[in-house]
């Protein structure tokens, strides 16, 4: 007698979009920009355009946020000189 469930035991069970989206916080919290090696998540991404677009959007948002937090350049020497001059002329500032 053959089993009605012909799935291989090692193949991941298909995920619903809701199940996939529940995993998103963990994917991004791991710091891997949402990239995963979980076979069930990868399979869902291959077959679901909506969740793939969502991950791309979240990756873009995470990249933009990271750029806001990373300084792209140091202030010029002129800026530091103005700060020093301002502090030197402030009577409440004590060195």
PDB file of N, CA and C in Angstrom:
ATOM      1  N   UNK A   1       0.845  -1.165   0.000  1.00  0.00           N
ATOM      2  CA  UNK A   1       0.000   0.000   0.000  1.00  0.00           C
ATOM      3  C   UNK A   1       0.897   1.237   0.000  1.00  0.00           C
ATOM      4  N   UNK A   2       0.588   2.216  -0.846  1.00  0.00           N
ATOM      5  CA  UNK A   2       1.388   3.424  -0.922  1.00  0.00           C
ATOM      6  C   UNK A   2       0.733   4.525  -0.127  1.00  0.00           C
ATOM      7  N   UNK A   3       1.563   5.377   0.392  1.00  0.00           N
ATOM      8  CA  UNK A   3       1.088   6.505   1.176  1.00  0.00           C
ATOM      9  C   UNK A   3       0.523   7.569   0.254  1.00  0.00           C
ATOM     10  N   UNK A   4      -0.537   8.239   0.681  1.00  0.00           N
ATOM     11  CA  UNK A   4      -1.105   9.311  -0.116  1.00  0.00           C
ATOM     12  C   UNK A   4      -0.194  10.528  -0.094  1.00  0.00           C
ATOM     13  N   UNK A   5       0.650  10.624   0.900  1.00  0.00           N
ATOM     14  CA  UNK A   5       1.599  11.727   0.995  1.00  0.00           C
ATOM     15  C   UNK A   5       2.878  11.291   0.303  1.00  0.00           C
ATOM     16  N   UNK A   6       3.082  11.767  -0.928  1.00  0.00           N
ATOM     17  CA  UNK A   6       4.233  11.333  -1.712  1.00  0.00           C
ATOM     18  C   UNK A   6       5.436  12.254  -1.541  1.00  0.00           C
ATOM     19  N   UNK A   7       5.348  13.214  -0.631  1.00  0.00           N
ATOM     20  CA  UNK A   7       6.485  14.117  -0.408  1.00  0.00           C
ATOM     21  C   UNK A   7       7.633  13.357   0.224  1.00  0.00           C
ATOM     22  N   UNK A   8       8.823  13.740  -0.198  1.00  0.00           N
ATOM     23  CA  UNK A   8      10.003  13.160   0.433  1.00  0.00           C
ATOM     24  C   UNK A   8      10.114  13.705   1.843  1.00  0.00           C
ATOM     25  N   UNK A   9      10.581  12.888   2.783  1.00  0.00           N
ATOM     26  CA  UNK A   9      10.671  13.359   4.169  1.00  0.00           C
ATOM     27  C   UNK A   9      11.667  14.495   4.344  1.00  0.00           C
ATOM     28  N   UNK A  10      12.645  14.621   3.443  1.00  0.00           N
ATOM     29  CA  UNK A  10      13.650  15.672   3.618  1.00  0.00           C
ATOM     30  C   UNK A  10      13.280  16.971   2.907  1.00  0.00           C
ATOM     31  N   UNK A  11      12.189  16.991   2.151  1.00  0.00           N
ATOM     32  CA  UNK A  11      11.811  18.227   1.471  1.00  0.00           C
ATOM     33  C   UNK A  11      11.007  19.096   2.435  1.00  0.00           C
ATOM     34  N   UNK A  12      11.245  20.425   2.390  1.00  0.00           N
ATOM     35  CA  UNK A  12      10.542  21.309   3.316  1.00  0.00           C
ATOM     36  C   UNK A  12       9.057  21.395   2.975  1.00  0.00           C
ATOM     37  N   UNK A  13       8.257  21.500   3.998  1.00  0.00           N
ATOM     38  CA  UNK A  13       6.823  21.679   3.785  1.00  0.00           C
ATOM     39  C   UNK A  13       6.596  23.071   3.215  1.00  0.00           C
ATOM     40  N   UNK A  14       5.678  23.194   2.259  1.00  0.00           N
ATOM     41  CA  UNK A  14       5.417  24.527   1.696  1.00  0.00           C
ATOM     42  C   UNK A  14       4.892  25.474   2.776  1.00  0.00           C
ATOM     43  N   UNK A  15       5.371  26.696   2.727  1.00  0.00           N
ATOM     44  CA  UNK A  15       4.946  27.705   3.691  1.00  0.00           C
ATOM     45  C   UNK A  15       3.853  28.573   3.081  1.00  0.00           C
ATOM     46  N   UNK A  16       2.943  29.011   3.905  1.00  0.00           N
ATOM     47  CA  UNK A  16       1.993  30.034   3.476  1.00  0.00           C
ATOM     48  C   UNK A  16       2.704  31.380   3.567  1.00  0.00           C
ATOM     49  N   UNK A  17       2.115  32.385   2.954  1.00  0.00           N
ATOM     50  CA  UNK A  17       2.696  33.731   3.054  1.00  0.00           C
ATOM     51  C   UNK A  17       2.731  34.200   4.504  1.00  0.00           C
ATOM     52  N   UNK A  18       1.699  33.890   5.259  1.00  0.00           N
ATOM     53  CA  UNK A  18       1.659  34.303   6.666  1.00  0.00           C
ATOM     54  C   UNK A  18       2.784  33.642   7.450  1.00  0.00           C
ATOM     55  N   UNK A  19       3.022  32.358   7.206  1.00  0.00           N
ATOM     56  CA  UNK A  19       4.111  31.660   7.905  1.00  0.00           C
ATOM     57  C   UNK A  19       5.469  32.235   7.507  1.00  0.00           C
ATOM     58  N   UNK A  20       5.619  32.511   6.220  1.00  0.00           N
ATOM     59  CA  UNK A  20       6.869  33.100   5.741  1.00  0.00           C
ATOM     60  C   UNK A  20       7.088  34.461   6.395  1.00  0.00           C
ATOM     61  N   UNK A  21       6.066  35.297   6.392  1.00  0.00           N
ATOM     62  CA  UNK A  21       6.199  36.658   6.912  1.00  0.00           C
ATOM     63  C   UNK A  21       6.436  36.687   8.417  1.00  0.00           C
ATOM     64  N   UNK A  22       6.024  35.637   9.123  1.00  0.00           N
ATOM     65  CA  UNK A  22       6.334  35.552  10.547  1.00  0.00           C
ATOM     66  C   UNK A  22       7.831  35.379  10.767  1.00  0.00           C
ATOM     67  N   UNK A  23       8.541  34.856   9.779  1.00  0.00           N
ATOM     68  CA  UNK A  23       9.977  34.627   9.889  1.00  0.00           C
ATOM     69  C   UNK A  23      10.806  35.864   9.528  1.00  0.00           C
ATOM     70  N   UNK A  24      10.182  36.860   8.917  1.00  0.00           N
ATOM     71  CA  UNK A  24      10.929  38.039   8.456  1.00  0.00           C
ATOM     72  C   UNK A  24      11.695  38.764   9.562  1.00  0.00           C
ATOM     73  N   UNK A  25      11.108  39.013  10.724  1.00  0.00           N
ATOM     74  CA  UNK A  25      11.891  39.709  11.759  1.00  0.00           C
ATOM     75  C   UNK A  25      13.175  38.963  12.123  1.00  0.00           C
ATOM     76  N   UNK A  26      13.099  37.633  12.221  1.00  0.00           N
ATOM     77  CA  UNK A  26      14.295  36.855  12.550  1.00  0.00           C
ATOM     78  C   UNK A  26      15.314  36.904  11.416  1.00  0.00           C
ATOM     79  N   UNK A  27      14.829  36.879  10.175  1.00  0.00           N
ATOM     80  CA  UNK A  27      15.739  36.938   9.029  1.00  0.00           C
ATOM     81  C   UNK A  27      16.535  38.236   9.053  1.00  0.00           C
ATOM     82  N   UNK A  28      15.849  39.338   9.290  1.00  0.00           N
ATOM     83  CA  UNK A  28      16.525  40.632   9.254  1.00  0.00           C
ATOM     84  C   UNK A  28      17.292  40.917  10.541  1.00  0.00           C
ATOM     85  N   UNK A  29      16.833  40.406  11.661  1.00  0.00           N
ATOM     86  CA  UNK A  29      17.535  40.609  12.929  1.00  0.00           C
ATOM     87  C   UNK A  29      18.877  39.897  12.928  1.00  0.00           C
ATOM     88  N   UNK A  30      18.999  38.846  12.133  1.00  0.00           N
ATOM     89  CA  UNK A  30      20.248  38.099  12.060  1.00  0.00           C
ATOM     90  C   UNK A  30      21.334  38.898  11.347  1.00  0.00           C
ATOM     91  N   UNK A  31      20.954  40.012  10.739  1.00  0.00           N
ATOM     92  CA  UNK A  31      21.945  40.874  10.093  1.00  0.00           C
ATOM     93  C   UNK A  31      22.384  40.397   8.738  1.00  0.00           C
ATOM     94  N   UNK A  32      21.671  39.483   8.150  1.00  0.00           N
ATOM     95  CA  UNK A  32      22.059  38.943   6.844  1.00  0.00           C
ATOM     96  C   UNK A  32      21.288  39.618   5.721  1.00  0.00           C
ATOM     97  N   UNK A  33      20.761  40.795   5.971  1.00  0.00           N
ATOM     98  CA  UNK A  33      19.991  41.530   4.972  1.00  0.00           C
ATOM     99  C   UNK A  33      18.830  40.715   4.427  1.00  0.00           C
ATOM    100  N   UNK A  34      18.296  39.847   5.231  1.00  0.00           N
ATOM    101  CA  UNK A  34      17.151  39.070   4.818  1.00  0.00           C
ATOM    102  C   UNK A  34      17.485  37.833   4.021  1.00  0.00           C
ATOM    103  N   UNK A  35      18.752  37.625   3.737  1.00  0.00           N
ATOM    104  CA  UNK A  35      19.144  36.443   2.983  1.00  0.00           C
ATOM    105  C   UNK A  35      19.190  35.264   3.935  1.00  0.00           C
ATOM    106  N   UNK A  36      18.617  34.169   3.507  1.00  0.00           N
ATOM    107  CA  UNK A  36      18.502  33.015   4.385  1.00  0.00           C
ATOM    108  C   UNK A  36      19.006  31.763   3.682  1.00  0.00           C
ATOM    109  N   UNK A  37      19.352  30.781   4.465  1.00  0.00           N
ATOM    110  CA  UNK A  37      19.707  29.489   3.878  1.00  0.00           C
ATOM    111  C   UNK A  37      18.689  28.420   4.273  1.00  0.00           C
ATOM    112  N   UNK A  38      17.588  28.834   4.877  1.00  0.00           N
ATOM    113  CA  UNK A  38      16.524  27.903   5.246  1.00  0.00           C
ATOM    114  C   UNK A  38      15.818  27.438   3.971  1.00  0.00           C
ATOM    115  N   UNK A  39      15.820  26.138   3.692  1.00  0.00           N
ATOM    116  CA  UNK A  39      15.230  25.638   2.443  1.00  0.00           C
ATOM    117  C   UNK A  39      13.751  25.983   2.274  1.00  0.00           C
ATOM    118  N   UNK A  40      12.982  25.942   3.357  1.00  0.00           N
ATOM    119  CA  UNK A  40      11.553  26.252   3.252  1.00  0.00           C
ATOM    120  C   UNK A  40      11.348  27.721   2.880  1.00  0.00           C
ATOM    121  N   UNK A  41      12.160  28.611   3.481  1.00  0.00           N
ATOM    122  CA  UNK A  41      12.037  30.038   3.171  1.00  0.00           C
ATOM    123  C   UNK A  41      12.499  30.327   1.750  1.00  0.00           C
ATOM    124  N   UNK A  42      13.590  29.697   1.340  1.00  0.00           N
ATOM    125  CA  UNK A  42      14.095  29.892  -0.017  1.00  0.00           C
ATOM    126  C   UNK A  42      13.087  29.409  -1.054  1.00  0.00           C
ATOM    127  N   UNK A  43      12.486  28.274  -0.796  1.00  0.00           N
ATOM    128  CA  UNK A  43      11.493  27.735  -1.728  1.00  0.00           C
ATOM    129  C   UNK A  43      10.309  28.683  -1.837  1.00  0.00           C
ATOM    130  N   UNK A  44       9.871  29.227  -0.714  1.00  0.00           N
ATOM    131  CA  UNK A  44       8.746  30.165  -0.755  1.00  0.00           C
ATOM    132  C   UNK A  44       9.126  31.411  -1.556  1.00  0.00           C
ATOM    133  N   UNK A  45      10.337  31.909  -1.355  1.00  0.00           N
ATOM    134  CA  UNK A  45      10.779  33.089  -2.110  1.00  0.00           C
ATOM    135  C   UNK A  45      10.822  32.822  -3.609  1.00  0.00           C
ATOM    136  N   UNK A  46      11.203  31.602  -3.990  1.00  0.00           N
ATOM    137  CA  UNK A  46      11.262  31.247  -5.418  1.00  0.00           C
ATOM    138  C   UNK A  46       9.879  31.213  -6.053  1.00  0.00           C
ATOM    139  N   UNK A  47       8.876  30.875  -5.264  1.00  0.00           N
ATOM    140  CA  UNK A  47       7.550  30.639  -5.836  1.00  0.00           C
ATOM    141  C   UNK A  47       6.533  31.733  -5.547  1.00  0.00           C
ATOM    142  N   UNK A  48       6.861  32.697  -4.690  1.00  0.00           N
ATOM    143  CA  UNK A  48       5.887  33.726  -4.312  1.00  0.00           C
ATOM    144  C   UNK A  48       6.400  35.115  -4.684  1.00  0.00           C
ATOM    145  N   UNK A  49       5.789  35.683  -5.704  1.00  0.00           N
ATOM    146  CA  UNK A  49       6.199  37.019  -6.143  1.00  0.00           C
ATOM    147  C   UNK A  49       5.934  38.082  -5.081  1.00  0.00           C
ATOM    148  N   UNK A  50       4.830  37.956  -4.359  1.00  0.00           N
ATOM    149  CA  UNK A  50       4.496  38.965  -3.340  1.00  0.00           C
ATOM    150  C   UNK A  50       5.526  38.987  -2.216  1.00  0.00           C
ATOM    151  N   UNK A  51       5.876  37.829  -1.695  1.00  0.00           N
ATOM    152  CA  UNK A  51       6.849  37.794  -0.594  1.00  0.00           C
ATOM    153  C   UNK A  51       8.252  38.163  -1.085  1.00  0.00           C
ATOM    154  N   UNK A  52       8.579  37.798  -2.319  1.00  0.00           N
ATOM    155  CA  UNK A  52       9.876  38.191  -2.883  1.00  0.00           C
ATOM    156  C   UNK A  52       9.966  39.709  -2.986  1.00  0.00           C
ATOM    157  N   UNK A  53       8.885  40.336  -3.438  1.00  0.00           N
ATOM    158  CA  UNK A  53       8.862  41.800  -3.535  1.00  0.00           C
ATOM    159  C   UNK A  53       8.942  42.428  -2.146  1.00  0.00           C
ATOM    160  N   UNK A  54       8.264  41.831  -1.186  1.00  0.00           N
ATOM    161  CA  UNK A  54       8.311  42.336   0.187  1.00  0.00           C
ATOM    162  C   UNK A  54       9.732  42.284   0.739  1.00  0.00           C
ATOM    163  N   UNK A  55      10.432  41.180   0.527  1.00  0.00           N
ATOM    164  CA  UNK A  55      11.812  41.053   1.006  1.00  0.00           C
ATOM    165  C   UNK A  55      12.702  42.072   0.317  1.00  0.00           C
ATOM    166  N   UNK A  56      12.524  42.266  -0.990  1.00  0.00           N
ATOM    167  CA  UNK A  56      13.323  43.281  -1.699  1.00  0.00           C
ATOM    168  C   UNK A  56      13.073  44.668  -1.110  1.00  0.00           C
ATOM    169  N   UNK A  57      11.805  44.975  -0.849  1.00  0.00           N
ATOM    170  CA  UNK A  57      11.470  46.277  -0.263  1.00  0.00           C
ATOM    171  C   UNK A  57      12.091  46.437   1.122  1.00  0.00           C
ATOM    172  N   UNK A  58      12.000  45.397   1.930  1.00  0.00           N
ATOM    173  CA  UNK A  58      12.583  45.465   3.279  1.00  0.00           C
ATOM    174  C   UNK A  58      14.101  45.578   3.223  1.00  0.00           C
ATOM    175  N   UNK A  59      14.728  44.889   2.266  1.00  0.00           N
ATOM    176  CA  UNK A  59      16.182  45.005   2.105  1.00  0.00           C
ATOM    177  C   UNK A  59      16.557  46.439   1.732  1.00  0.00           C
ATOM    178  N   UNK A  60      15.780  47.047   0.840  1.00  0.00           N
ATOM    179  CA  UNK A  60      16.034  48.422   0.440  1.00  0.00           C
ATOM    180  C   UNK A  60      15.904  49.371   1.635  1.00  0.00           C
ATOM    181  N   UNK A  61      14.831  49.202   2.407  1.00  0.00           N
ATOM    182  CA  UNK A  61      14.615  50.047   3.585  1.00  0.00           C
ATOM    183  C   UNK A  61      15.753  49.869   4.588  1.00  0.00           C
ATOM    184  N   UNK A  62      16.165  48.622   4.816  1.00  0.00           N
ATOM    185  CA  UNK A  62      17.264  48.360   5.758  1.00  0.00           C
ATOM    186  C   UNK A  62      18.560  48.990   5.260  1.00  0.00           C
ATOM    187  N   UNK A  63      18.819  48.902   3.955  1.00  0.00           N
ATOM    188  CA  UNK A  63      20.029  49.519   3.391  1.00  0.00           C
ATOM    189  C   UNK A  63      20.003  51.032   3.556  1.00  0.00           C
ATOM    190  N   UNK A  64      18.846  51.648   3.292  1.00  0.00           N
ATOM    191  CA  UNK A  64      18.729  53.096   3.430  1.00  0.00           C
ATOM    192  C   UNK A  64      18.915  53.523   4.889  1.00  0.00           C
ATOM    193  N   UNK A  65      18.332  52.781   5.813  1.00  0.00           N
ATOM    194  CA  UNK A  65      18.481  53.102   7.237  1.00  0.00           C
ATOM    195  C   UNK A  65      19.933  52.968   7.669  1.00  0.00           C
ATOM    196  N   UNK A  66      20.609  51.932   7.195  1.00  0.00           N
ATOM    197  CA  UNK A  66      22.013  51.724   7.541  1.00  0.00           C
ATOM    198  C   UNK A  66      22.862  52.878   7.024  1.00  0.00           C
ATOM    199  N   UNK A  67      22.553  53.372   5.828  1.00  0.00           N
ATOM    200  CA  UNK A  67      23.310  54.497   5.268  1.00  0.00           C
ATOM    201  C   UNK A  67      23.101  55.765   6.084  1.00  0.00           C
ATOM    202  N   UNK A  68      21.911  55.929   6.633  1.00  0.00           N
ATOM    203  CA  UNK A  68      21.663  57.101   7.474  1.00  0.00           C
ATOM    204  C   UNK A  68      22.487  57.065   8.747  1.00  0.00           C
ATOM    205  N   UNK A  69      22.747  55.873   9.243  1.00  0.00           N
ATOM    206  CA  UNK A  69      23.479  55.727  10.498  1.00  0.00           C
ATOM    207  C   UNK A  69      24.988  55.714  10.318  1.00  0.00           C
ATOM    208  N   UNK A  70      25.440  55.475   9.101  1.00  0.00           N
ATOM    209  CA  UNK A  70      26.882  55.437   8.844  1.00  0.00           C
ATOM    210  C   UNK A  70      27.325  56.789   8.280  1.00  0.00           C
ATOM    211  N   UNK A  71      28.249  57.437   8.954  1.00  0.00           N
ATOM    212  CA  UNK A  71      28.719  58.725   8.417  1.00  0.00           C
ATOM    213  C   UNK A  71      29.433  58.500   7.084  1.00  0.00           C
ATOM    214  N   UNK A  72      29.123  59.357   6.138  1.00  0.00           N
ATOM    215  CA  UNK A  72      29.752  59.223   4.825  1.00  0.00           C
ATOM    216  C   UNK A  72      31.033  60.047   4.726  1.00  0.00           C
ATOM    217  N   UNK A  73      31.178  61.022   5.609  1.00  0.00           N
ATOM    218  CA  UNK A  73      32.392  61.841   5.593  1.00  0.00           C
ATOM    219  C   UNK A  73      32.551  62.528   6.953  1.00  0.00           C
ATOM    220  N   UNK A  74      33.734  62.939   7.203  1.00  0.00           N
ATOM    221  CA  UNK A  74      34.038  63.688   8.418  1.00  0.00           C
ATOM    222  C   UNK A  74      33.830  65.172   8.137  1.00  0.00           C
ATOM    223  N   UNK A  75      33.421  65.919   9.141  1.00  0.00           N
ATOM    224  CA  UNK A  75      33.324  67.375   8.948  1.00  0.00           C
ATOM    225  C   UNK A  75      34.694  67.955   8.577  1.00  0.00           C
ATOM    226  N   UNK A  76      34.665  69.010   7.812  1.00  0.00           N
ATOM    227  CA  UNK A  76      35.914  69.634   7.370  1.00  0.00           C
ATOM    228  C   UNK A  76      36.643  70.271   8.553  1.00  0.00           C
ATOM    229  N   UNK A  77      37.924  70.552   8.347  1.00  0.00           N
ATOM    230  CA  UNK A  77      38.716  71.228   9.382  1.00  0.00           C
ATOM    231  C   UNK A  77      38.106  72.582   9.732  1.00  0.00           C
ATOM    232  N   UNK A  78      37.513  73.224   8.748  1.00  0.00           N
ATOM    233  CA  UNK A  78      36.895  74.526   8.964  1.00  0.00           C
ATOM    234  C   UNK A  78      35.745  74.418   9.967  1.00  0.00           C
ATOM    235  N   UNK A  79      34.979  73.347   9.878  1.00  0.00           N
ATOM    236  CA  UNK A  79      33.875  73.135  10.815  1.00  0.00           C
ATOM    237  C   UNK A  79      34.429  72.963  12.222  1.00  0.00           C
ATOM    238  N   UNK A  80      35.480  72.155  12.369  1.00  0.00           N
ATOM    239  CA  UNK A  80      36.069  71.937  13.698  1.00  0.00           C
ATOM    240  C   UNK A  80      36.652  73.231  14.260  1.00  0.00           C
ATOM    241  N   UNK A  81      37.242  74.055  13.403  1.00  0.00           N
ATOM    242  CA  UNK A  81      37.793  75.336  13.863  1.00  0.00           C
ATOM    243  C   UNK A  81      36.682  76.250  14.375  1.00  0.00           C
ATOM    244  N   UNK A  82      35.543  76.268  13.680  1.00  0.00           N
ATOM    245  CA  UNK A  82      34.414  77.095  14.117  1.00  0.00           C
ATOM    246  C   UNK A  82      33.870  76.594  15.452  1.00  0.00           C
ATOM    247  N   UNK A  83      33.821  75.288  15.618  1.00  0.00           N
ATOM    248  CA  UNK A  83      33.358  74.725  16.890  1.00  0.00           C
ATOM    249  C   UNK A  83      34.306  75.118  18.016  1.00  0.00           C
ATOM    250  N   UNK A  84      35.616  74.990  17.786  1.00  0.00           N
ATOM    251  CA  UNK A  84      36.605  75.350  18.800  1.00  0.00           C
ATOM    252  C   UNK A  84      36.518  76.842  19.140  1.00  0.00           C
ATOM    253  N   UNK A  85      36.369  77.671  18.125  1.00  0.00           N
ATOM    254  CA  UNK A  85      36.276  79.111  18.341  1.00  0.00           C
ATOM    255  C   UNK A  85      35.023  79.443  19.149  1.00  0.00           C
ATOM    256  N   UNK A  86      33.932  78.776  18.812  1.00  0.00           N
ATOM    257  CA  UNK A  86      32.681  79.006  19.525  1.00  0.00           C
ATOM    258  C   UNK A  86      32.800  78.587  20.988  1.00  0.00           C
ATOM    259  N   UNK A  87      33.428  77.453  21.217  1.00  0.00           N
ATOM    260  CA  UNK A  87      33.613  76.987  22.586  1.00  0.00           C
ATOM    261  C   UNK A  87      34.548  77.908  23.359  1.00  0.00           C
ATOM    262  N   UNK A  88      35.592  78.363  22.695  1.00  0.00           N
ATOM    263  CA  UNK A  88      36.560  79.241  23.371  1.00  0.00           C
ATOM    264  C   UNK A  88      35.928  80.557  23.780  1.00  0.00           C
ATOM    265  N   UNK A  89      34.947  81.020  23.004  1.00  0.00           N
ATOM    266  CA  UNK A  89      34.324  82.306  23.319  1.00  0.00           C
ATOM    267  C   UNK A  89      33.123  82.148  24.260  1.00  0.00           C
ATOM    268  N   UNK A  90      32.770  80.919  24.596  1.00  0.00           N
ATOM    269  CA  UNK A  90      31.635  80.683  25.495  1.00  0.00           C
ATOM    270  C   UNK A  90      32.153  80.671  26.927  1.00  0.00           C
ATOM    271  N   UNK A  91      31.728  81.636  27.759  1.00  0.00           N
ATOM    272  CA  UNK A  91      32.224  81.711  29.142  1.00  0.00           C
ATOM    273  C   UNK A  91      31.791  80.520  29.996  1.00  0.00           C
ATOM    274  N   UNK A  92      30.730  79.843  29.617  1.00  0.00           N
ATOM    275  CA  UNK A  92      30.273  78.710  30.433  1.00  0.00           C
ATOM    276  C   UNK A  92      31.029  77.430  30.123  1.00  0.00           C
ATOM    277  N   UNK A  93      31.791  77.421  29.033  1.00  0.00           N
ATOM    278  CA  UNK A  93      32.570  76.244  28.661  1.00  0.00           C
ATOM    279  C   UNK A  93      33.885  76.233  29.434  1.00  0.00           C
ATOM    280  N   UNK A  94      34.156  75.109  30.112  1.00  0.00           N
ATOM    281  CA  UNK A  94      35.397  74.974  30.871  1.00  0.00           C
ATOM    282  C   UNK A  94      36.203  73.847  30.262  1.00  0.00           C
ATOM    283  N   UNK A  95      37.435  74.120  29.977  1.00  0.00           N
ATOM    284  CA  UNK A  95      38.303  73.086  29.409  1.00  0.00           C
ATOM    285  C   UNK A  95      38.931  72.261  30.462  1.00  0.00           C
TER     286      UNK A  95
END
